[in-house]
Each structure stands twice: as structure tokens, then as C-alpha cells.
Protein backbone atom coordinates (compact mmCIF):
# COMPACT_ATOMS: atom_id res chain seq x y z
CA MET A 1 134.39 33.07 73.49
CA GLU A 2 133.11 29.61 73.02
CA GLY A 3 134.87 26.38 73.78
CA ASN A 4 135.22 23.28 71.65
CA ILE A 5 133.85 19.76 71.79
CA ILE A 6 136.62 17.25 71.12
CA ILE A 7 135.77 13.79 69.77
CA ASN A 8 138.25 11.32 71.28
CA ILE A 9 137.70 8.35 68.99
CA ASP A 10 141.43 7.73 68.70
CA VAL A 11 141.73 7.35 72.49
CA MET A 12 138.91 4.79 72.60
CA LEU A 13 140.30 2.92 69.57
CA ALA A 14 143.64 2.58 71.35
CA LYS A 15 141.97 1.41 74.58
CA ARG A 16 139.94 -1.20 72.67
CA LYS A 17 142.86 -2.18 70.40
CA MET A 18 140.56 -1.62 67.42
CA SER A 19 141.46 -0.30 63.98
CA VAL A 20 139.67 2.57 62.26
CA THR A 21 138.65 0.09 59.55
CA GLU A 22 137.07 -2.26 62.08
CA LEU A 23 135.21 0.64 63.73
CA SER A 24 133.99 1.82 60.33
CA GLU A 25 132.60 -1.64 59.56
CA ARG A 26 130.95 -2.05 62.97
CA VAL A 27 129.29 1.36 62.91
CA GLY A 28 128.44 1.44 59.20
CA ILE A 29 130.23 4.73 58.53
CA THR A 30 132.69 5.23 55.68
CA LEU A 31 136.39 5.52 56.48
CA PRO A 32 136.52 9.16 55.29
CA ASN A 33 133.67 10.07 57.66
CA ILE A 34 135.33 8.26 60.58
CA SER A 35 138.51 10.20 59.75
CA VAL A 36 136.60 13.50 59.86
CA LEU A 37 135.37 12.62 63.35
CA LYS A 38 138.75 11.29 64.47
CA ASN A 39 140.71 14.30 63.23
CA GLY A 40 138.43 16.87 64.81
CA ARG A 41 137.07 18.32 61.59
CA ALA A 42 133.44 17.39 62.22
CA LYS A 43 131.02 20.27 62.71
CA ALA A 44 128.24 18.03 64.05
CA ILE A 45 127.49 14.44 64.99
CA LYS A 46 124.11 12.73 64.95
CA ILE A 47 122.92 11.25 68.22
CA SER A 48 122.28 7.98 66.37
CA THR A 49 125.91 7.95 65.16
CA LEU A 50 127.13 8.65 68.68
CA ALA A 51 125.01 5.75 69.94
CA LYS A 52 126.50 3.41 67.31
CA LEU A 53 130.03 4.52 68.23
CA CYS A 54 129.30 3.87 71.91
CA GLU A 55 127.93 0.43 71.11
CA ALA A 56 130.91 -0.50 68.92
CA LEU A 57 133.45 0.84 71.42
CA ASP A 58 131.55 -0.40 74.50
CA CYS A 59 131.66 3.02 76.15
CA GLN A 60 129.58 6.00 77.23
CA PRO A 61 129.22 9.28 75.26
CA GLY A 62 131.38 11.02 77.88
CA ASP A 63 134.22 8.64 77.02
CA ILE A 64 134.20 9.98 73.45
CA LEU A 65 133.16 13.63 73.88
CA GLU A 66 135.20 16.20 75.78
CA TYR A 67 134.55 19.91 76.31
CA ARG A 68 137.52 22.27 76.23
CA PRO A 69 136.91 25.88 77.23
CA ALA A 70 138.24 28.63 74.97
CA GLU A 71 141.55 30.18 75.91
CA LYS A 72 141.10 33.50 77.67
CA GLU A 73 142.84 36.37 75.94
CA GLY A 74 144.51 39.28 77.68
CA THR A 75 143.80 38.33 81.28
CA GLU A 76 145.88 40.63 83.45
């Protein structure tokens, strides 16, 4: 079983009181692509994009990325 990496852009947007539109403009990423990241549908993220997000949100990568282990099945 493998876990998941969660991208917590919505949490950082709320903390910074920033809109998705403003983040999109600051980072230079289209709104649909920001939405893909925000809604957890992204399969990958470029390191350069992560760096731009961190700069725009004034945070560290660990503030945006979170690892969640897979649920264990049938543990008795």
C-alpha cells in the first residue's frame, strides 16, 4: 500500500487571506491548474512550481505538502 501526498494550498490561502485568483496571478499558473492542485487531482508538481507557490504564500514546502499513509486493511 502506498500513501498519498496532499497539497494543502487551500489551507495556506486561508492563512494568508489570499484568493485563488491572486495566487494564480502571483505564481503565473492558470486558474484551472491551480484548481487541479487545490482539489487534490494533481499527479505531479514541478519543483519550480512548488518554489513559486512557496514564494507567493511566504511559506515552506512542508507547509503545503503533507504525507498521509494508506489505510491498513484487515488488521486483526
